Amino acid sequence: MIYNINKGRNADIANKSPVLNGYNELIAEVNKNRETMELAEAIVAAIKSYLERNILVYFLEKHASEVLNMLFTEWNLDDAIAVAREEALEDGIDIGRKAEREELFALLRQGYSVDEVEKKLGLKD
């Protein structure tokens, strides 16, 4: 599930984490700056303002590249869903491969030959 935590939305979630809440406020400041500035200038001004006011300094210093990438990237719900689906597919493939290996080794431990295992697993007619 995806939650919108922009200022004024799902505040109960954002308020559970000072960093998340601070990041939420940073986004609001970037959006406010965009009323009079280009995106890059709005982002830099918001981050500079936060650092000068000693807000989220550790987070911004530690995660500066990720923050900038997120802010400069056009991110929308369709992109988020596509990424989530891709990650879920990769997870599903990994789970399936693990289950196949476990089944293979279980059959081998039971004494089946490689030829018999291939037939049981549908790898060979």
PDB file of N, CA and C in Angstrom:
ATOM      1  N   MET A   1       0.838  -1.167   0.000  1.00  0.00           N
ATOM      2  CA  MET A   1       0.000   0.000   0.000  1.00  0.00           C
ATOM      3  C   MET A   1       0.888   1.237   0.000  1.00  0.00           C
ATOM      4  N   ILE A   2       0.464   2.253  -0.706  1.00  0.00           N
ATOM      5  CA  ILE A   2       1.202   3.507  -0.805  1.00  0.00           C
ATOM      6  C   ILE A   2       0.392   4.584  -0.101  1.00  0.00           C
ATOM      7  N   TYR A   3       1.069   5.359   0.744  1.00  0.00           N
ATOM      8  CA  TYR A   3       0.416   6.439   1.464  1.00  0.00           C
ATOM      9  C   TYR A   3       0.973   7.778   0.991  1.00  0.00           C
ATOM     10  N   ASN A   4       0.096   8.728   0.810  1.00  0.00           N
ATOM     11  CA  ASN A   4       0.498  10.083   0.495  1.00  0.00           C
ATOM     12  C   ASN A   4       0.745  10.794   1.822  1.00  0.00           C
ATOM     13  N   ILE A   5       1.988  11.196   2.054  1.00  0.00           N
ATOM     14  CA  ILE A   5       2.305  11.876   3.308  1.00  0.00           C
ATOM     15  C   ILE A   5       2.662  13.329   3.074  1.00  0.00           C
ATOM     16  N   ASN A   6       2.293  13.854   1.897  1.00  0.00           N
ATOM     17  CA  ASN A   6       2.506  15.278   1.670  1.00  0.00           C
ATOM     18  C   ASN A   6       1.791  16.062   2.756  1.00  0.00           C
ATOM     19  N   LYS A   7       2.275  17.269   2.995  1.00  0.00           N
ATOM     20  CA  LYS A   7       1.734  18.101   4.068  1.00  0.00           C
ATOM     21  C   LYS A   7       0.203  18.143   3.992  1.00  0.00           C
ATOM     22  N   GLY A   8      -0.428  17.831   5.118  1.00  0.00           N
ATOM     23  CA  GLY A   8      -1.879  17.825   5.183  1.00  0.00           C
ATOM     24  C   GLY A   8      -2.509  16.476   4.873  1.00  0.00           C
ATOM     25  N   ARG A   9      -1.706  15.487   4.548  1.00  0.00           N
ATOM     26  CA  ARG A   9      -2.223  14.159   4.226  1.00  0.00           C
ATOM     27  C   ARG A   9      -1.573  13.126   5.151  1.00  0.00           C
ATOM     28  N   ASN A  10      -2.354  12.269   5.736  1.00  0.00           N
ATOM     29  CA  ASN A  10      -1.860  11.164   6.570  1.00  0.00           C
ATOM     30  C   ASN A  10      -0.804  11.622   7.586  1.00  0.00           C
ATOM     31  N   ALA A  11      -1.073  12.729   8.243  1.00  0.00           N
ATOM     32  CA  ALA A  11      -0.136  13.304   9.204  1.00  0.00           C
ATOM     33  C   ALA A  11       0.196  12.322  10.326  1.00  0.00           C
ATOM     34  N   ASP A  12      -0.753  11.456  10.691  1.00  0.00           N
ATOM     35  CA  ASP A  12      -0.496  10.497  11.774  1.00  0.00           C
ATOM     36  C   ASP A  12       0.674   9.579  11.422  1.00  0.00           C
ATOM     37  N   ILE A  13       0.833   9.258  10.148  1.00  0.00           N
ATOM     38  CA  ILE A  13       1.950   8.408   9.722  1.00  0.00           C
ATOM     39  C   ILE A  13       3.244   9.209   9.752  1.00  0.00           C
ATOM     40  N   ALA A  14       3.240  10.391   9.148  1.00  0.00           N
ATOM     41  CA  ALA A  14       4.436  11.229   9.085  1.00  0.00           C
ATOM     42  C   ALA A  14       4.930  11.609  10.474  1.00  0.00           C
ATOM     43  N   ASN A  15       4.011  11.845  11.394  1.00  0.00           N
ATOM     44  CA  ASN A  15       4.396  12.290  12.734  1.00  0.00           C
ATOM     45  C   ASN A  15       5.029  11.190  13.586  1.00  0.00           C
ATOM     46  N   LYS A  16       4.968   9.944  13.131  1.00  0.00           N
ATOM     47  CA  LYS A  16       5.576   8.845  13.891  1.00  0.00           C
ATOM     48  C   LYS A  16       7.093   8.855  13.786  1.00  0.00           C
ATOM     49  N   SER A  17       7.630   9.577  12.824  1.00  0.00           N
ATOM     50  CA  SER A  17       9.078   9.619  12.632  1.00  0.00           C
ATOM     51  C   SER A  17       9.521  11.066  12.446  1.00  0.00           C
ATOM     52  N   PRO A  18      10.410  11.558  13.305  1.00  0.00           N
ATOM     53  CA  PRO A  18      10.897  12.927  13.134  1.00  0.00           C
ATOM     54  C   PRO A  18      11.583  13.137  11.779  1.00  0.00           C
ATOM     55  N   VAL A  19      12.304  12.126  11.310  1.00  0.00           N
ATOM     56  CA  VAL A  19      12.985  12.258  10.017  1.00  0.00           C
ATOM     57  C   VAL A  19      11.962  12.314   8.886  1.00  0.00           C
ATOM     58  N   LEU A  20      10.989  11.422   8.924  1.00  0.00           N
ATOM     59  CA  LEU A  20       9.955  11.405   7.897  1.00  0.00           C
ATOM     60  C   LEU A  20       9.156  12.709   7.915  1.00  0.00           C
ATOM     61  N   ASN A  21       8.821  13.172   9.080  1.00  0.00           N
ATOM     62  CA  ASN A  21       8.092  14.429   9.207  1.00  0.00           C
ATOM     63  C   ASN A  21       8.939  15.595   8.690  1.00  0.00           C
ATOM     64  N   GLY A  22      10.211  15.597   9.036  1.00  0.00           N
ATOM     65  CA  GLY A  22      11.108  16.652   8.548  1.00  0.00           C
ATOM     66  C   GLY A  22      11.247  16.616   7.036  1.00  0.00           C
ATOM     67  N   TYR A  23      11.345  15.415   6.490  1.00  0.00           N
ATOM     68  CA  TYR A  23      11.439  15.258   5.035  1.00  0.00           C
ATOM     69  C   TYR A  23      10.156  15.751   4.380  1.00  0.00           C
ATOM     70  N   ASN A  24       9.036  15.450   5.003  1.00  0.00           N
ATOM     71  CA  ASN A  24       7.736  15.912   4.530  1.00  0.00           C
ATOM     72  C   ASN A  24       7.706  17.443   4.478  1.00  0.00           C
ATOM     73  N   GLU A  25       8.216  18.074   5.521  1.00  0.00           N
ATOM     74  CA  GLU A  25       8.274  19.535   5.577  1.00  0.00           C
ATOM     75  C   GLU A  25       9.223  20.079   4.507  1.00  0.00           C
ATOM     76  N   LEU A  26      10.329  19.368   4.279  1.00  0.00           N
ATOM     77  CA  LEU A  26      11.277  19.774   3.242  1.00  0.00           C
ATOM     78  C   LEU A  26      10.603  19.775   1.870  1.00  0.00           C
ATOM     79  N   ILE A  27       9.836  18.747   1.589  1.00  0.00           N
ATOM     80  CA  ILE A  27       9.111  18.666   0.322  1.00  0.00           C
ATOM     81  C   ILE A  27       8.129  19.833   0.206  1.00  0.00           C
ATOM     82  N   ALA A  28       7.451  20.153   1.296  1.00  0.00           N
ATOM     83  CA  ALA A  28       6.519  21.283   1.288  1.00  0.00           C
ATOM     84  C   ALA A  28       7.261  22.580   0.980  1.00  0.00           C
ATOM     85  N   GLU A  29       8.468  22.712   1.537  1.00  0.00           N
ATOM     86  CA  GLU A  29       9.255  23.931   1.275  1.00  0.00           C
ATOM     87  C   GLU A  29       9.714  23.970  -0.181  1.00  0.00           C
ATOM     88  N   VAL A  30      10.106  22.841  -0.712  1.00  0.00           N
ATOM     89  CA  VAL A  30      10.485  22.795  -2.135  1.00  0.00           C
ATOM     90  C   VAL A  30       9.293  23.208  -2.992  1.00  0.00           C
ATOM     91  N   ASN A  31       8.119  22.652  -2.690  1.00  0.00           N
ATOM     92  CA  ASN A  31       6.915  22.998  -3.460  1.00  0.00           C
ATOM     93  C   ASN A  31       6.594  24.489  -3.357  1.00  0.00           C
ATOM     94  N   LYS A  32       6.776  25.055  -2.177  1.00  0.00           N
ATOM     95  CA  LYS A  32       6.539  26.494  -1.997  1.00  0.00           C
ATOM     96  C   LYS A  32       7.538  27.297  -2.821  1.00  0.00           C
ATOM     97  N   ASN A  33       8.802  26.882  -2.784  1.00  0.00           N
ATOM     98  CA  ASN A  33       9.843  27.572  -3.548  1.00  0.00           C
ATOM     99  C   ASN A  33       9.575  27.506  -5.052  1.00  0.00           C
ATOM    100  N   ARG A  34       8.954  26.418  -5.494  1.00  0.00           N
ATOM    101  CA  ARG A  34       8.694  26.241  -6.927  1.00  0.00           C
ATOM    102  C   ARG A  34       7.721  27.280  -7.465  1.00  0.00           C
ATOM    103  N   GLU A  35       7.005  27.946  -6.581  1.00  0.00           N
ATOM    104  CA  GLU A  35       6.099  29.005  -7.027  1.00  0.00           C
ATOM    105  C   GLU A  35       6.869  30.160  -7.656  1.00  0.00           C
ATOM    106  N   THR A  36       8.126  30.346  -7.230  1.00  0.00           N
ATOM    107  CA  THR A  36       8.933  31.474  -7.729  1.00  0.00           C
ATOM    108  C   THR A  36      10.276  31.048  -8.308  1.00  0.00           C
ATOM    109  N   MET A  37      10.578  29.737  -8.265  1.00  0.00           N
ATOM    110  CA  MET A  37      11.893  29.264  -8.712  1.00  0.00           C
ATOM    111  C   MET A  37      11.753  28.048  -9.621  1.00  0.00           C
ATOM    112  N   GLU A  38      12.801  27.799 -10.387  1.00  0.00           N
ATOM    113  CA  GLU A  38      12.883  26.558 -11.152  1.00  0.00           C
ATOM    114  C   GLU A  38      13.148  25.420 -10.157  1.00  0.00           C
ATOM    115  N   LEU A  39      12.897  24.184 -10.583  1.00  0.00           N
ATOM    116  CA  LEU A  39      13.000  23.033  -9.681  1.00  0.00           C
ATOM    117  C   LEU A  39      14.363  22.944  -9.000  1.00  0.00           C
ATOM    118  N   ALA A  40      15.439  22.993  -9.772  1.00  0.00           N
ATOM    119  CA  ALA A  40      16.777  22.840  -9.183  1.00  0.00           C
ATOM    120  C   ALA A  40      17.046  23.913  -8.139  1.00  0.00           C
ATOM    121  N   GLU A  41      16.698  25.148  -8.472  1.00  0.00           N
ATOM    122  CA  GLU A  41      16.903  26.257  -7.538  1.00  0.00           C
ATOM    123  C   GLU A  41      16.034  26.080  -6.284  1.00  0.00           C
ATOM    124  N   ALA A  42      14.810  25.606  -6.465  1.00  0.00           N
ATOM    125  CA  ALA A  42      13.889  25.383  -5.338  1.00  0.00           C
ATOM    126  C   ALA A  42      14.428  24.316  -4.393  1.00  0.00           C
ATOM    127  N   ILE A  43      14.982  23.250  -4.949  1.00  0.00           N
ATOM    128  CA  ILE A  43      15.535  22.161  -4.135  1.00  0.00           C
ATOM    129  C   ILE A  43      16.749  22.639  -3.360  1.00  0.00           C
ATOM    130  N   VAL A  44      17.673  23.279  -4.071  1.00  0.00           N
ATOM    131  CA  VAL A  44      18.900  23.764  -3.420  1.00  0.00           C
ATOM    132  C   VAL A  44      18.559  24.769  -2.326  1.00  0.00           C
ATOM    133  N   ALA A  45      17.634  25.674  -2.595  1.00  0.00           N
ATOM    134  CA  ALA A  45      17.256  26.678  -1.594  1.00  0.00           C
ATOM    135  C   ALA A  45      16.639  26.030  -0.360  1.00  0.00           C
ATOM    136  N   ALA A  46      15.784  25.028  -0.549  1.00  0.00           N
ATOM    137  CA  ALA A  46      15.150  24.349   0.584  1.00  0.00           C
ATOM    138  C   ALA A  46      16.186  23.604   1.416  1.00  0.00           C
ATOM    139  N   ILE A  47      17.076  22.891   0.753  1.00  0.00           N
ATOM    140  CA  ILE A  47      18.103  22.142   1.491  1.00  0.00           C
ATOM    141  C   ILE A  47      19.024  23.105   2.227  1.00  0.00           C
ATOM    142  N   LYS A  48      19.441  24.173   1.558  1.00  0.00           N
ATOM    143  CA  LYS A  48      20.309  25.165   2.200  1.00  0.00           C
ATOM    144  C   LYS A  48      19.622  25.772   3.427  1.00  0.00           C
ATOM    145  N   SER A  49      18.342  26.076   3.288  1.00  0.00           N
ATOM    146  CA  SER A  49      17.573  26.631   4.397  1.00  0.00           C
ATOM    147  C   SER A  49      17.537  25.663   5.577  1.00  0.00           C
ATOM    148  N   TYR A  50      17.322  24.399   5.285  1.00  0.00           N
ATOM    149  CA  TYR A  50      17.269  23.394   6.352  1.00  0.00           C
ATOM    150  C   TYR A  50      18.620  23.265   7.044  1.00  0.00           C
ATOM    151  N   LEU A  51      19.689  23.237   6.274  1.00  0.00           N
ATOM    152  CA  LEU A  51      21.017  23.117   6.880  1.00  0.00           C
ATOM    153  C   LEU A  51      21.336  24.347   7.727  1.00  0.00           C
ATOM    154  N   GLU A  52      20.978  25.535   7.240  1.00  0.00           N
ATOM    155  CA  GLU A  52      21.225  26.761   8.002  1.00  0.00           C
ATOM    156  C   GLU A  52      20.425  26.778   9.302  1.00  0.00           C
ATOM    157  N   ARG A  53      19.229  26.184   9.287  1.00  0.00           N
ATOM    158  CA  ARG A  53      18.377  26.149  10.484  1.00  0.00           C
ATOM    159  C   ARG A  53      18.641  24.903  11.329  1.00  0.00           C
ATOM    160  N   ASN A  54      19.637  24.117  10.933  1.00  0.00           N
ATOM    161  CA  ASN A  54      20.044  22.917  11.664  1.00  0.00           C
ATOM    162  C   ASN A  54      18.915  21.884  11.751  1.00  0.00           C
ATOM    163  N   ILE A  55      18.166  21.724  10.651  1.00  0.00           N
ATOM    164  CA  ILE A  55      17.076  20.763  10.572  1.00  0.00           C
ATOM    165  C   ILE A  55      17.492  19.639   9.636  1.00  0.00           C
ATOM    166  N   LEU A  56      17.355  18.420  10.075  1.00  0.00           N
ATOM    167  CA  LEU A  56      17.680  17.222   9.281  1.00  0.00           C
ATOM    168  C   LEU A  56      19.127  17.205   8.792  1.00  0.00           C
ATOM    169  N   VAL A  57      20.020  17.876   9.486  1.00  0.00           N
ATOM    170  CA  VAL A  57      21.407  17.985   9.029  1.00  0.00           C
ATOM    171  C   VAL A  57      22.035  16.602   8.851  1.00  0.00           C
ATOM    172  N   TYR A  58      21.936  15.754   9.867  1.00  0.00           N
ATOM    173  CA  TYR A  58      22.544  14.419   9.787  1.00  0.00           C
ATOM    174  C   TYR A  58      21.949  13.631   8.619  1.00  0.00           C
ATOM    175  N   PHE A  59      20.627  13.647   8.508  1.00  0.00           N
ATOM    176  CA  PHE A  59      19.953  12.903   7.438  1.00  0.00           C
ATOM    177  C   PHE A  59      20.370  13.423   6.065  1.00  0.00           C
ATOM    178  N   LEU A  60      20.357  14.748   5.904  1.00  0.00           N
ATOM    179  CA  LEU A  60      20.702  15.322   4.612  1.00  0.00           C
ATOM    180  C   LEU A  60      22.156  15.071   4.252  1.00  0.00           C
ATOM    181  N   GLU A  61      23.048  15.132   5.229  1.00  0.00           N
ATOM    182  CA  GLU A  61      24.457  14.861   4.943  1.00  0.00           C
ATOM    183  C   GLU A  61      24.680  13.390   4.606  1.00  0.00           C
ATOM    184  N   LYS A  62      24.003  12.508   5.325  1.00  0.00           N
ATOM    185  CA  LYS A  62      24.189  11.069   5.125  1.00  0.00           C
ATOM    186  C   LYS A  62      23.535  10.579   3.836  1.00  0.00           C
ATOM    187  N   HIS A  63      22.393  11.153   3.484  1.00  0.00           N
ATOM    188  CA  HIS A  63      21.616  10.658   2.343  1.00  0.00           C
ATOM    189  C   HIS A  63      21.469  11.714   1.246  1.00  0.00           C
ATOM    190  N   ALA A  64      22.446  12.605   1.120  1.00  0.00           N
ATOM    191  CA  ALA A  64      22.321  13.724   0.182  1.00  0.00           C
ATOM    192  C   ALA A  64      22.025  13.266  -1.244  1.00  0.00           C
ATOM    193  N   SER A  65      22.749  12.270  -1.739  1.00  0.00           N
ATOM    194  CA  SER A  65      22.549  11.868  -3.132  1.00  0.00           C
ATOM    195  C   SER A  65      21.172  11.256  -3.348  1.00  0.00           C
ATOM    196  N   GLU A  66      20.700  10.436  -2.378  1.00  0.00           N
ATOM    197  CA  GLU A  66      19.365   9.846  -2.519  1.00  0.00           C
ATOM    198  C   GLU A  66      18.276  10.926  -2.472  1.00  0.00           C
ATOM    199  N   VAL A  67      18.463  11.900  -1.583  1.00  0.00           N
ATOM    200  CA  VAL A  67      17.485  12.981  -1.469  1.00  0.00           C
ATOM    201  C   VAL A  67      17.418  13.755  -2.778  1.00  0.00           C
ATOM    202  N   LEU A  68      18.577  14.116  -3.300  1.00  0.00           N
ATOM    203  CA  LEU A  68      18.600  14.872  -4.555  1.00  0.00           C
ATOM    204  C   LEU A  68      18.010  14.059  -5.699  1.00  0.00           C
ATOM    205  N   ASN A  69      18.363  12.773  -5.776  1.00  0.00           N
ATOM    206  CA  ASN A  69      17.807  11.937  -6.840  1.00  0.00           C
ATOM    207  C   ASN A  69      16.286  11.861  -6.751  1.00  0.00           C
ATOM    208  N   MET A  70      15.767  11.683  -5.547  1.00  0.00           N
ATOM    209  CA  MET A  70      14.315  11.606  -5.380  1.00  0.00           C
ATOM    210  C   MET A  70      13.646  12.932  -5.757  1.00  0.00           C
ATOM    211  N   LEU A  71      14.265  14.033  -5.359  1.00  0.00           N
ATOM    212  CA  LEU A  71      13.656  15.326  -5.628  1.00  0.00           C
ATOM    213  C   LEU A  71      13.747  15.719  -7.105  1.00  0.00           C
ATOM    214  N   PHE A  72      14.818  15.311  -7.777  1.00  0.00           N
ATOM    215  CA  PHE A  72      14.984  15.665  -9.182  1.00  0.00           C
ATOM    216  C   PHE A  72      14.264  14.713 -10.122  1.00  0.00           C
ATOM    217  N   THR A  73      13.887  13.558  -9.622  1.00  0.00           N
ATOM    218  CA  THR A  73      13.226  12.574 -10.474  1.00  0.00           C
ATOM    219  C   THR A  73      11.732  12.826 -10.491  1.00  0.00           C
ATOM    220  N   GLU A  74      11.165  12.784 -11.668  1.00  0.00           N
ATOM    221  CA  GLU A  74       9.708  12.861 -11.758  1.00  0.00           C
ATOM    222  C   GLU A  74       9.185  11.505 -11.323  1.00  0.00           C
ATOM    223  N   TRP A  75       8.558  11.432 -10.167  1.00  0.00           N
ATOM    224  CA  TRP A  75       8.101  10.168  -9.579  1.00  0.00           C
ATOM    225  C   TRP A  75       6.591  10.228  -9.462  1.00  0.00           C
ATOM    226  N   ASN A  76       5.939   9.262 -10.045  1.00  0.00           N
ATOM    227  CA  ASN A  76       4.485   9.267  -9.947  1.00  0.00           C
ATOM    228  C   ASN A  76       4.005   7.885  -9.545  1.00  0.00           C
ATOM    229  N   LEU A  77       2.742   7.773  -9.307  1.00  0.00           N
ATOM    230  CA  LEU A  77       2.166   6.528  -8.822  1.00  0.00           C
ATOM    231  C   LEU A  77       2.394   5.382  -9.794  1.00  0.00           C
ATOM    232  N   ASP A  78       2.276   5.643 -11.094  1.00  0.00           N
ATOM    233  CA  ASP A  78       2.498   4.578 -12.076  1.00  0.00           C
ATOM    234  C   ASP A  78       3.921   4.031 -11.989  1.00  0.00           C
ATOM    235  N   ASP A  79       4.908   4.937 -11.833  1.00  0.00           N
ATOM    236  CA  ASP A  79       6.294   4.496 -11.688  1.00  0.00           C
ATOM    237  C   ASP A  79       6.467   3.675 -10.419  1.00  0.00           C
ATOM    238  N   ALA A  80       5.860   4.128  -9.323  1.00  0.00           N
ATOM    239  CA  ALA A  80       5.974   3.418  -8.050  1.00  0.00           C
ATOM    240  C   ALA A  80       5.371   2.022  -8.157  1.00  0.00           C
ATOM    241  N   ILE A  81       4.226   1.921  -8.809  1.00  0.00           N
ATOM    242  CA  ILE A  81       3.580   0.615  -8.981  1.00  0.00           C
ATOM    243  C   ILE A  81       4.439  -0.292  -9.850  1.00  0.00           C
ATOM    244  N   ALA A  82       5.004   0.258 -10.927  1.00  0.00           N
ATOM    245  CA  ALA A  82       5.858  -0.541 -11.816  1.00  0.00           C
ATOM    246  C   ALA A  82       7.082  -1.070 -11.075  1.00  0.00           C
ATOM    247  N   VAL A  83       7.700  -0.227 -10.265  1.00  0.00           N
ATOM    248  CA  VAL A  83       8.873  -0.655  -9.488  1.00  0.00           C
ATOM    249  C   VAL A  83       8.467  -1.730  -8.484  1.00  0.00           C
ATOM    250  N   ALA A  84       7.343  -1.528  -7.808  1.00  0.00           N
ATOM    251  CA  ALA A  84       6.875  -2.512  -6.819  1.00  0.00           C
ATOM    252  C   ALA A  84       6.592  -3.853  -7.498  1.00  0.00           C
ATOM    253  N   ARG A  85       5.990  -3.817  -8.666  1.00  0.00           N
ATOM    254  CA  ARG A  85       5.703  -5.066  -9.395  1.00  0.00           C
ATOM    255  C   ARG A  85       6.992  -5.767  -9.795  1.00  0.00           C
ATOM    256  N   GLU A  86       7.957  -5.001 -10.276  1.00  0.00           N
ATOM    257  CA  GLU A  86       9.240  -5.589 -10.673  1.00  0.00           C
ATOM    258  C   GLU A  86       9.934  -6.235  -9.474  1.00  0.00           C
ATOM    259  N   GLU A  87       9.920  -5.538  -8.342  1.00  0.00           N
ATOM    260  CA  GLU A  87      10.536  -6.088  -7.136  1.00  0.00           C
ATOM    261  C   GLU A  87       9.794  -7.338  -6.671  1.00  0.00           C
ATOM    262  N   ALA A  88       8.474  -7.314  -6.749  1.00  0.00           N
ATOM    263  CA  ALA A  88       7.675  -8.480  -6.353  1.00  0.00           C
ATOM    264  C   ALA A  88       7.955  -9.659  -7.272  1.00  0.00           C
ATOM    265  N   LEU A  89       8.086  -9.393  -8.569  1.00  0.00           N
ATOM    266  CA  LEU A  89       8.407 -10.454  -9.518  1.00  0.00           C
ATOM    267  C   LEU A  89       9.769 -11.070  -9.200  1.00  0.00           C
ATOM    268  N   GLU A  90      10.755 -10.219  -8.934  1.00  0.00           N
ATOM    269  CA  GLU A  90      12.083 -10.715  -8.579  1.00  0.00           C
ATOM    270  C   GLU A  90      12.029 -11.546  -7.300  1.00  0.00           C
ATOM    271  N   ASP A  91      11.279 -11.076  -6.312  1.00  0.00           N
ATOM    272  CA  ASP A  91      11.120 -11.833  -5.063  1.00  0.00           C
ATOM    273  C   ASP A  91      10.459 -13.179  -5.335  1.00  0.00           C
ATOM    274  N   GLY A  92       9.427 -13.181  -6.170  1.00  0.00           N
ATOM    275  CA  GLY A  92       8.724 -14.417  -6.512  1.00  0.00           C
ATOM    276  C   GLY A  92       9.626 -15.405  -7.221  1.00  0.00           C
ATOM    277  N   ILE A  93      10.446 -14.909  -8.123  1.00  0.00           N
ATOM    278  CA  ILE A  93      11.391 -15.779  -8.826  1.00  0.00           C
ATOM    279  C   ILE A  93      12.374 -16.382  -7.837  1.00  0.00           C
ATOM    280  N   ASP A  94      12.895 -15.563  -6.926  1.00  0.00           N
ATOM    281  CA  ASP A  94      13.834 -16.063  -5.910  1.00  0.00           C
ATOM    282  C   ASP A  94      13.177 -17.129  -5.031  1.00  0.00           C
ATOM    283  N   ILE A  95      11.941 -16.892  -4.617  1.00  0.00           N
ATOM    284  CA  ILE A  95      11.217 -17.861  -3.778  1.00  0.00           C
ATOM    285  C   ILE A  95      11.003 -19.159  -4.542  1.00  0.00           C
ATOM    286  N   GLY A  96      10.625 -19.044  -5.820  1.00  0.00           N
ATOM    287  CA  GLY A  96      10.417 -20.232  -6.645  1.00  0.00           C
ATOM    288  C   GLY A  96      11.685 -21.034  -6.833  1.00  0.00           C
ATOM    289  N   ARG A  97      12.783 -20.343  -7.074  1.00  0.00           N
ATOM    290  CA  ARG A  97      14.073 -21.043  -7.241  1.00  0.00           C
ATOM    291  C   ARG A  97      14.471 -21.765  -5.953  1.00  0.00           C
ATOM    292  N   LYS A  98      14.263 -21.126  -4.840  1.00  0.00           N
ATOM    293  CA  LYS A  98      14.602 -21.757  -3.558  1.00  0.00           C
ATOM    294  C   LYS A  98      13.746 -23.005  -3.345  1.00  0.00           C
ATOM    295  N   ALA A  99      12.452 -22.904  -3.642  1.00  0.00           N
ATOM    296  CA  ALA A  99      11.557 -24.061  -3.481  1.00  0.00           C
ATOM    297  C   ALA A  99      11.973 -25.198  -4.405  1.00  0.00           C
ATOM    298  N   GLU A 100      12.366 -24.871  -5.631  1.00  0.00           N
ATOM    299  CA  GLU A 100      12.826 -25.899  -6.566  1.00  0.00           C
ATOM    300  C   GLU A 100      14.079 -26.604  -6.046  1.00  0.00           C
ATOM    301  N   ARG A 101      15.015 -25.820  -5.533  1.00  0.00           N
ATOM    302  CA  ARG A 101      16.251 -26.412  -4.983  1.00  0.00           C
ATOM    303  C   ARG A 101      15.929 -27.329  -3.811  1.00  0.00           C
ATOM    304  N   GLU A 102      15.039 -26.859  -2.935  1.00  0.00           N
ATOM    305  CA  GLU A 102      14.670 -27.675  -1.778  1.00  0.00           C
ATOM    306  C   GLU A 102      14.018 -28.981  -2.219  1.00  0.00           C
ATOM    307  N   GLU A 103      13.150 -28.904  -3.215  1.00  0.00           N
ATOM    308  CA  GLU A 103      12.493 -30.106  -3.730  1.00  0.00           C
ATOM    309  C   GLU A 103      13.521 -31.041  -4.372  1.00  0.00           C
ATOM    310  N   LEU A 104      14.431 -30.487  -5.126  1.00  0.00           N
ATOM    311  CA  LEU A 104      15.480 -31.275  -5.773  1.00  0.00           C
ATOM    312  C   LEU A 104      16.317 -32.026  -4.739  1.00  0.00           C
ATOM    313  N   PHE A 105      16.800 -31.297  -3.736  1.00  0.00           N
ATOM    314  CA  PHE A 105      17.627 -31.934  -2.714  1.00  0.00           C
ATOM    315  C   PHE A 105      16.845 -32.947  -1.888  1.00  0.00           C
ATOM    316  N   ALA A 106      15.581 -32.688  -1.643  1.00  0.00           N
ATOM    317  CA  ALA A 106      14.755 -33.651  -0.905  1.00  0.00           C
ATOM    318  C   ALA A 106      14.656 -34.962  -1.679  1.00  0.00           C
ATOM    319  N   LEU A 107      14.454 -34.871  -2.988  1.00  0.00           N
ATOM    320  CA  LEU A 107      14.369 -36.086  -3.810  1.00  0.00           C
ATOM    321  C   LEU A 107      15.701 -36.822  -3.845  1.00  0.00           C
ATOM    322  N   LEU A 108      16.781 -36.079  -3.953  1.00  0.00           N
ATOM    323  CA  LEU A 108      18.109 -36.717  -3.970  1.00  0.00           C
ATOM    324  C   LEU A 108      18.401 -37.388  -2.625  1.00  0.00           C
ATOM    325  N   ARG A 109      18.001 -36.747  -1.522  1.00  0.00           N
ATOM    326  CA  ARG A 109      18.215 -37.346  -0.191  1.00  0.00           C
ATOM    327  C   ARG A 109      17.396 -38.634  -0.022  1.00  0.00           C
ATOM    328  N   GLN A 110      16.257 -38.695  -0.710  1.00  0.00           N
ATOM    329  CA  GLN A 110      15.411 -39.890  -0.636  1.00  0.00           C
ATOM    330  C   GLN A 110      15.956 -41.026  -1.490  1.00  0.00           C
ATOM    331  N   GLY A 111      17.044 -40.743  -2.207  1.00  0.00           N
ATOM    332  CA  GLY A 111      17.691 -41.812  -2.960  1.00  0.00           C
ATOM    333  C   GLY A 111      17.332 -41.886  -4.433  1.00  0.00           C
ATOM    334  N   TYR A 112      16.562 -40.961  -4.922  1.00  0.00           N
ATOM    335  CA  TYR A 112      16.229 -40.967  -6.351  1.00  0.00           C
ATOM    336  C   TYR A 112      17.472 -40.645  -7.170  1.00  0.00           C
ATOM    337  N   SER A 113      17.578 -41.262  -8.334  1.00  0.00           N
ATOM    338  CA  SER A 113      18.700 -40.969  -9.231  1.00  0.00           C
ATOM    339  C   SER A 113      18.455 -39.632  -9.916  1.00  0.00           C
ATOM    340  N   VAL A 114      19.485 -39.101 -10.529  1.00  0.00           N
ATOM    341  CA  VAL A 114      19.364 -37.837 -11.239  1.00  0.00           C
ATOM    342  C   VAL A 114      18.315 -37.968 -12.345  1.00  0.00           C
ATOM    343  N   ASP A 115      18.326 -39.088 -13.054  1.00  0.00           N
ATOM    344  CA  ASP A 115      17.357 -39.337 -14.118  1.00  0.00           C
ATOM    345  C   ASP A 115      15.931 -39.336 -13.563  1.00  0.00           C
ATOM    346  N   GLU A 116      15.725 -40.002 -12.413  1.00  0.00           N
ATOM    347  CA  GLU A 116      14.396 -40.055 -11.791  1.00  0.00           C
ATOM    348  C   GLU A 116      13.950 -38.671 -11.309  1.00  0.00           C
ATOM    349  N   VAL A 117      14.886 -37.904 -10.760  1.00  0.00           N
ATOM    350  CA  VAL A 117      14.577 -36.563 -10.288  1.00  0.00           C
ATOM    351  C   VAL A 117      14.152 -35.672 -11.457  1.00  0.00           C
ATOM    352  N   GLU A 118      14.890 -35.779 -12.567  1.00  0.00           N
ATOM    353  CA  GLU A 118      14.530 -34.993 -13.749  1.00  0.00           C
ATOM    354  C   GLU A 118      13.120 -35.312 -14.212  1.00  0.00           C
ATOM    355  N   LYS A 119      12.759 -36.595 -14.194  1.00  0.00           N
ATOM    356  CA  LYS A 119      11.410 -36.997 -14.619  1.00  0.00           C
ATOM    357  C   LYS A 119      10.360 -36.496 -13.633  1.00  0.00           C
ATOM    358  N   LYS A 120      10.631 -36.630 -12.325  1.00  0.00           N
ATOM    359  CA  LYS A 120       9.674 -36.183 -11.315  1.00  0.00           C
ATOM    360  C   LYS A 120       9.430 -34.679 -11.377  1.00  0.00           C
ATOM    361  N   LEU A 121      10.471 -33.928 -11.684  1.00  0.00           N
ATOM    362  CA  LEU A 121      10.363 -32.467 -11.742  1.00  0.00           C
ATOM    363  C   LEU A 121       9.897 -31.962 -13.106  1.00  0.00           C
ATOM    364  N   GLY A 122       9.628 -32.895 -14.019  1.00  0.00           N
ATOM    365  CA  GLY A 122       9.137 -32.505 -15.338  1.00  0.00           C
ATOM    366  C   GLY A 122      10.202 -31.913 -16.235  1.00  0.00           C
ATOM    367  N   LEU A 123      11.446 -32.215 -15.928  1.00  0.00           N
ATOM    368  CA  LEU A 123      12.550 -31.699 -16.736  1.00  0.00           C
ATOM    369  C   LEU A 123      12.895 -32.622 -17.896  1.00  0.00           C
ATOM    370  N   LYS A 124      12.345 -33.830 -17.825  1.00  0.00           N
ATOM    371  CA  LYS A 124      12.672 -34.849 -18.817  1.00  0.00           C
ATOM    372  C   LYS A 124      11.444 -35.743 -18.984  1.00  0.00           C
ATOM    373  N   ASP A 125      11.175 -36.158 -20.226  1.00  0.00           N
ATOM    374  CA  ASP A 125      10.021 -37.056 -20.473  1.00  0.00           C
ATOM    375  C   ASP A 125      10.368 -38.477 -20.182  1.00  0.00           C
TER     376      ASP A 125
END
